[in-house]
């Protein structure tokens, strides 16, 4: 897992979410949800704010979650949100070009989180930490008490 990449995605997502919550037009205009003058209807602003807060909170979770299962879970939530955005926005935004851009952007952000999860080694104390495939420390991610081997059935 590449923690620094996941943290960067989290910070960027949280900042964007807060910005869109404050000014929904930041998302509405490029998505084709504003009028010809660039104004966003009150109902559209109301609809976009929960999406923005979801991004802010899930980005914050990704930025602040402790390394390990909590960070992995935050990344999975972020990936699910990005893929959901790709599907929903890609199917519903006005204009083929806008739909294509929304899908590309959403899949791109999700791919960054996937890359962070799959990257070899993590930065810890200034040096890369790598483990051999299949090796685990007892009590870390396995269903067993500390000091014993993995649970075998």
C-alpha atoms as a PDB file:
ATOM      1  CA  UNK A   1       0.000   0.000   0.000  1.00  0.00           C
ATOM      2  CA  UNK A   2       1.351   3.455  -0.886  1.00  0.00           C
ATOM      3  CA  UNK A   3       0.109   5.538   2.016  1.00  0.00           C
ATOM      4  CA  UNK A   4       1.359   8.865   0.649  1.00  0.00           C
ATOM      5  CA  UNK A   5      -0.670   8.454  -2.558  1.00  0.00           C
ATOM      6  CA  UNK A   6      -3.816   7.546  -0.629  1.00  0.00           C
ATOM      7  CA  UNK A   7      -3.307  10.543   1.675  1.00  0.00           C
ATOM      8  CA  UNK A   8      -2.844  12.874  -1.305  1.00  0.00           C
ATOM      9  CA  UNK A   9      -6.047  11.594  -2.942  1.00  0.00           C
ATOM     10  CA  UNK A  10      -7.838  12.094   0.362  1.00  0.00           C
ATOM     11  CA  UNK A  11      -6.654  15.671   0.833  1.00  0.00           C
ATOM     12  CA  UNK A  12      -7.494  16.628  -2.762  1.00  0.00           C
ATOM     13  CA  UNK A  13     -10.923  15.005  -2.548  1.00  0.00           C
ATOM     14  CA  UNK A  14     -11.724  16.640   0.789  1.00  0.00           C
ATOM     15  CA  UNK A  15     -10.672  20.077  -0.474  1.00  0.00           C
ATOM     16  CA  UNK A  16     -12.742  19.710  -3.645  1.00  0.00           C
ATOM     17  CA  UNK A  17     -15.748  18.504  -1.649  1.00  0.00           C
ATOM     18  CA  UNK A  18     -15.626  21.508   0.675  1.00  0.00           C
ATOM     19  CA  UNK A  19     -15.204  23.875  -2.304  1.00  0.00           C
ATOM     20  CA  UNK A  20     -18.210  22.396  -4.141  1.00  0.00           C
ATOM     21  CA  UNK A  21     -20.320  22.442  -0.964  1.00  0.00           C
ATOM     22  CA  UNK A  22     -19.578  26.163  -0.664  1.00  0.00           C
ATOM     23  CA  UNK A  23     -19.940  26.885  -4.401  1.00  0.00           C
ATOM     24  CA  UNK A  24     -21.906  24.134  -6.203  1.00  0.00           C
ATOM     25  CA  UNK A  25     -21.369  25.901  -9.519  1.00  0.00           C
ATOM     26  CA  UNK A  26     -17.802  24.534  -9.500  1.00  0.00           C
ATOM     27  CA  UNK A  27     -19.331  21.158 -10.342  1.00  0.00           C
ATOM     28  CA  UNK A  28     -22.565  22.285 -11.991  1.00  0.00           C
ATOM     29  CA  UNK A  29     -21.015  24.393 -14.776  1.00  0.00           C
ATOM     30  CA  UNK A  30     -18.589  21.826 -16.229  1.00  0.00           C
ATOM     31  CA  UNK A  31     -21.245  19.131 -15.819  1.00  0.00           C
ATOM     32  CA  UNK A  32     -23.805  21.040 -17.889  1.00  0.00           C
ATOM     33  CA  UNK A  33     -26.100  21.553 -14.906  1.00  0.00           C
ATOM     34  CA  UNK A  34     -26.013  25.371 -15.058  1.00  0.00           C
ATOM     35  CA  UNK A  35     -27.995  27.644 -17.374  1.00  0.00           C
ATOM     36  CA  UNK A  36     -26.515  29.490 -20.376  1.00  0.00           C
ATOM     37  CA  UNK A  37     -25.436  32.366 -18.104  1.00  0.00           C
ATOM     38  CA  UNK A  38     -23.588  29.922 -15.786  1.00  0.00           C
ATOM     39  CA  UNK A  39     -26.125  30.180 -12.973  1.00  0.00           C
ATOM     40  CA  UNK A  40     -26.998  27.103 -10.973  1.00  0.00           C
ATOM     41  CA  UNK A  41     -30.657  26.609 -10.033  1.00  0.00           C
ATOM     42  CA  UNK A  42     -31.437  26.391  -6.305  1.00  0.00           C
ATOM     43  CA  UNK A  43     -32.670  22.777  -6.668  1.00  0.00           C
ATOM     44  CA  UNK A  44     -29.422  21.800  -8.416  1.00  0.00           C
ATOM     45  CA  UNK A  45     -27.327  23.450  -5.687  1.00  0.00           C
ATOM     46  CA  UNK A  46     -29.350  21.565  -3.080  1.00  0.00           C
ATOM     47  CA  UNK A  47     -28.814  18.278  -4.939  1.00  0.00           C
ATOM     48  CA  UNK A  48     -25.057  18.757  -5.365  1.00  0.00           C
ATOM     49  CA  UNK A  49     -24.233  19.667  -1.766  1.00  0.00           C
ATOM     50  CA  UNK A  50     -24.752  16.171  -0.282  1.00  0.00           C
ATOM     51  CA  UNK A  51     -22.471  14.770  -3.004  1.00  0.00           C
ATOM     52  CA  UNK A  52     -19.893  17.410  -2.098  1.00  0.00           C
ATOM     53  CA  UNK A  53     -20.088  16.619   1.625  1.00  0.00           C
ATOM     54  CA  UNK A  54     -19.761  12.898   0.855  1.00  0.00           C
ATOM     55  CA  UNK A  55     -16.541  13.684  -1.001  1.00  0.00           C
ATOM     56  CA  UNK A  56     -15.303  15.965   1.779  1.00  0.00           C
ATOM     57  CA  UNK A  57     -15.897  13.377   4.498  1.00  0.00           C
ATOM     58  CA  UNK A  58     -14.625  10.355   2.561  1.00  0.00           C
ATOM     59  CA  UNK A  59     -11.548  12.341   1.498  1.00  0.00           C
ATOM     60  CA  UNK A  60     -10.926  13.355   5.099  1.00  0.00           C
ATOM     61  CA  UNK A  61     -11.233   9.714   6.173  1.00  0.00           C
ATOM     62  CA  UNK A  62      -8.673   8.725   3.541  1.00  0.00           C
ATOM     63  CA  UNK A  63      -6.336  11.503   4.654  1.00  0.00           C
ATOM     64  CA  UNK A  64      -6.571  10.748   8.388  1.00  0.00           C
ATOM     65  CA  UNK A  65      -7.327   7.033   8.822  1.00  0.00           C
ATOM     66  CA  UNK A  66      -4.607   5.062  10.595  1.00  0.00           C
ATOM     67  CA  UNK A  67      -2.555   2.784   8.380  1.00  0.00           C
ATOM     68  CA  UNK A  68      -3.922  -0.722   7.990  1.00  0.00           C
ATOM     69  CA  UNK A  69      -7.535  -1.885   7.803  1.00  0.00           C
ATOM     70  CA  UNK A  70      -9.005   1.578   8.493  1.00  0.00           C
ATOM     71  CA  UNK A  71      -7.061   3.168   5.640  1.00  0.00           C
ATOM     72  CA  UNK A  72      -7.928   0.268   3.318  1.00  0.00           C
ATOM     73  CA  UNK A  73     -11.611   0.657   4.171  1.00  0.00           C
ATOM     74  CA  UNK A  74     -11.479   4.421   3.555  1.00  0.00           C
ATOM     75  CA  UNK A  75      -9.879   3.719   0.164  1.00  0.00           C
ATOM     76  CA  UNK A  76     -12.586   1.179  -0.712  1.00  0.00           C
ATOM     77  CA  UNK A  77     -15.283   3.728   0.184  1.00  0.00           C
ATOM     78  CA  UNK A  78     -13.572   6.355  -1.995  1.00  0.00           C
ATOM     79  CA  UNK A  79     -13.245   3.885  -4.903  1.00  0.00           C
ATOM     80  CA  UNK A  80     -16.914   2.910  -4.612  1.00  0.00           C
ATOM     81  CA  UNK A  81     -17.948   6.578  -4.607  1.00  0.00           C
ATOM     82  CA  UNK A  82     -15.811   7.324  -7.682  1.00  0.00           C
ATOM     83  CA  UNK A  83     -17.105   4.327  -9.596  1.00  0.00           C
ATOM     84  CA  UNK A  84     -20.677   5.184  -8.598  1.00  0.00           C
ATOM     85  CA  UNK A  85     -20.124   8.712  -9.891  1.00  0.00           C
ATOM     86  CA  UNK A  86     -18.795   7.319 -13.175  1.00  0.00           C
ATOM     87  CA  UNK A  87     -21.872   5.143 -13.649  1.00  0.00           C
ATOM     88  CA  UNK A  88     -24.491   7.682 -12.566  1.00  0.00           C
ATOM     89  CA  UNK A  89     -22.990  10.811 -14.119  1.00  0.00           C
ATOM     90  CA  UNK A  90     -22.009   8.905 -17.241  1.00  0.00           C
ATOM     91  CA  UNK A  91     -25.607   7.830 -17.690  1.00  0.00           C
ATOM     92  CA  UNK A  92     -27.412  11.051 -16.770  1.00  0.00           C
ATOM     93  CA  UNK A  93     -25.453  14.227 -17.523  1.00  0.00           C
ATOM     94  CA  UNK A  94     -26.601  16.276 -20.514  1.00  0.00           C
ATOM     95  CA  UNK A  95     -24.368  15.921 -23.568  1.00  0.00           C
ATOM     96  CA  UNK A  96     -22.216  13.033 -24.677  1.00  0.00           C
ATOM     97  CA  UNK A  97     -18.968  14.971 -24.217  1.00  0.00           C
ATOM     98  CA  UNK A  98     -19.800  15.956 -20.659  1.00  0.00           C
ATOM     99  CA  UNK A  99     -20.722  12.377 -19.820  1.00  0.00           C
ATOM    100  CA  UNK A 100     -17.420  11.125 -21.242  1.00  0.00           C
ATOM    101  CA  UNK A 101     -15.412  13.677 -19.256  1.00  0.00           C
ATOM    102  CA  UNK A 102     -17.294  12.855 -16.046  1.00  0.00           C
ATOM    103  CA  UNK A 103     -16.602   9.138 -16.525  1.00  0.00           C
ATOM    104  CA  UNK A 104     -12.907   9.765 -17.272  1.00  0.00           C
ATOM    105  CA  UNK A 105     -12.444  12.020 -14.246  1.00  0.00           C
ATOM    106  CA  UNK A 106     -14.326   9.692 -11.884  1.00  0.00           C
ATOM    107  CA  UNK A 107     -12.539   6.558 -13.082  1.00  0.00           C
ATOM    108  CA  UNK A 108      -9.217   8.410 -12.966  1.00  0.00           C
ATOM    109  CA  UNK A 109      -9.635   9.365  -9.305  1.00  0.00           C
ATOM    110  CA  UNK A 110     -10.791   5.852  -8.450  1.00  0.00           C
ATOM    111  CA  UNK A 111      -7.760   4.453 -10.274  1.00  0.00           C
ATOM    112  CA  UNK A 112      -5.439   6.590  -8.145  1.00  0.00           C
ATOM    113  CA  UNK A 113      -6.910   5.016  -5.005  1.00  0.00           C
ATOM    114  CA  UNK A 114      -6.616   1.533  -6.523  1.00  0.00           C
ATOM    115  CA  UNK A 115      -2.968   2.275  -7.395  1.00  0.00           C
ATOM    116  CA  UNK A 116      -2.360   3.396  -3.821  1.00  0.00           C
ATOM    117  CA  UNK A 117      -3.793   0.146  -2.494  1.00  0.00           C
ATOM    118  CA  UNK A 118      -1.864  -2.072  -4.900  1.00  0.00           C
ATOM    119  CA  UNK A 119       1.512  -0.295  -4.819  1.00  0.00           C
ATOM    120  CA  UNK A 120       4.403  -2.320  -3.451  1.00  0.00           C
ATOM    121  CA  UNK A 121       5.929  -1.116  -0.209  1.00  0.00           C
ATOM    122  CA  UNK A 122       4.914   1.763   1.984  1.00  0.00           C
ATOM    123  CA  UNK A 123       6.917   4.631   3.356  1.00  0.00           C
ATOM    124  CA  UNK A 124       7.446   4.241   7.061  1.00  0.00           C
ATOM    125  CA  UNK A 125      10.066   6.223   8.904  1.00  0.00           C
ATOM    126  CA  UNK A 126      11.753   7.253   5.660  1.00  0.00           C
ATOM    127  CA  UNK A 127      12.378   3.778   4.285  1.00  0.00           C
ATOM    128  CA  UNK A 128      10.359   1.378   2.207  1.00  0.00           C
ATOM    129  CA  UNK A 129       8.838  -1.527   4.083  1.00  0.00           C
ATOM    130  CA  UNK A 130       8.225  -4.655   2.026  1.00  0.00           C
ATOM    131  CA  UNK A 131       6.915  -8.041   2.979  1.00  0.00           C
ATOM    132  CA  UNK A 132       7.039 -11.260   1.102  1.00  0.00           C
ATOM    133  CA  UNK A 133       3.759 -12.362  -0.391  1.00  0.00           C
ATOM    134  CA  UNK A 134       1.796 -14.392   2.095  1.00  0.00           C
ATOM    135  CA  UNK A 135       3.879 -13.380   5.115  1.00  0.00           C
ATOM    136  CA  UNK A 136       2.004 -11.765   7.964  1.00  0.00           C
ATOM    137  CA  UNK A 137       2.873 -10.834  11.460  1.00  0.00           C
ATOM    138  CA  UNK A 138       0.731 -12.744  13.938  1.00  0.00           C
ATOM    139  CA  UNK A 139      -2.123 -10.637  15.219  1.00  0.00           C
ATOM    140  CA  UNK A 140      -1.976  -8.204  12.282  1.00  0.00           C
ATOM    141  CA  UNK A 141      -4.933  -8.750   9.973  1.00  0.00           C
ATOM    142  CA  UNK A 142      -5.354 -12.411  10.859  1.00  0.00           C
ATOM    143  CA  UNK A 143      -8.020 -13.959  13.023  1.00  0.00           C
ATOM    144  CA  UNK A 144      -5.793 -15.061  15.860  1.00  0.00           C
ATOM    145  CA  UNK A 145      -4.572 -13.788  19.205  1.00  0.00           C
ATOM    146  CA  UNK A 146      -1.165 -12.121  19.354  1.00  0.00           C
ATOM    147  CA  UNK A 147       1.703 -14.528  19.598  1.00  0.00           C
ATOM    148  CA  UNK A 148      -0.036 -17.397  17.827  1.00  0.00           C
ATOM    149  CA  UNK A 149      -0.078 -18.436  14.199  1.00  0.00           C
ATOM    150  CA  UNK A 150      -2.876 -17.776  11.733  1.00  0.00           C
ATOM    151  CA  UNK A 151      -6.200 -19.467  12.277  1.00  0.00           C
ATOM    152  CA  UNK A 152      -6.329 -22.647  10.225  1.00  0.00           C
ATOM    153  CA  UNK A 153      -9.501 -24.548   9.508  1.00  0.00           C
END
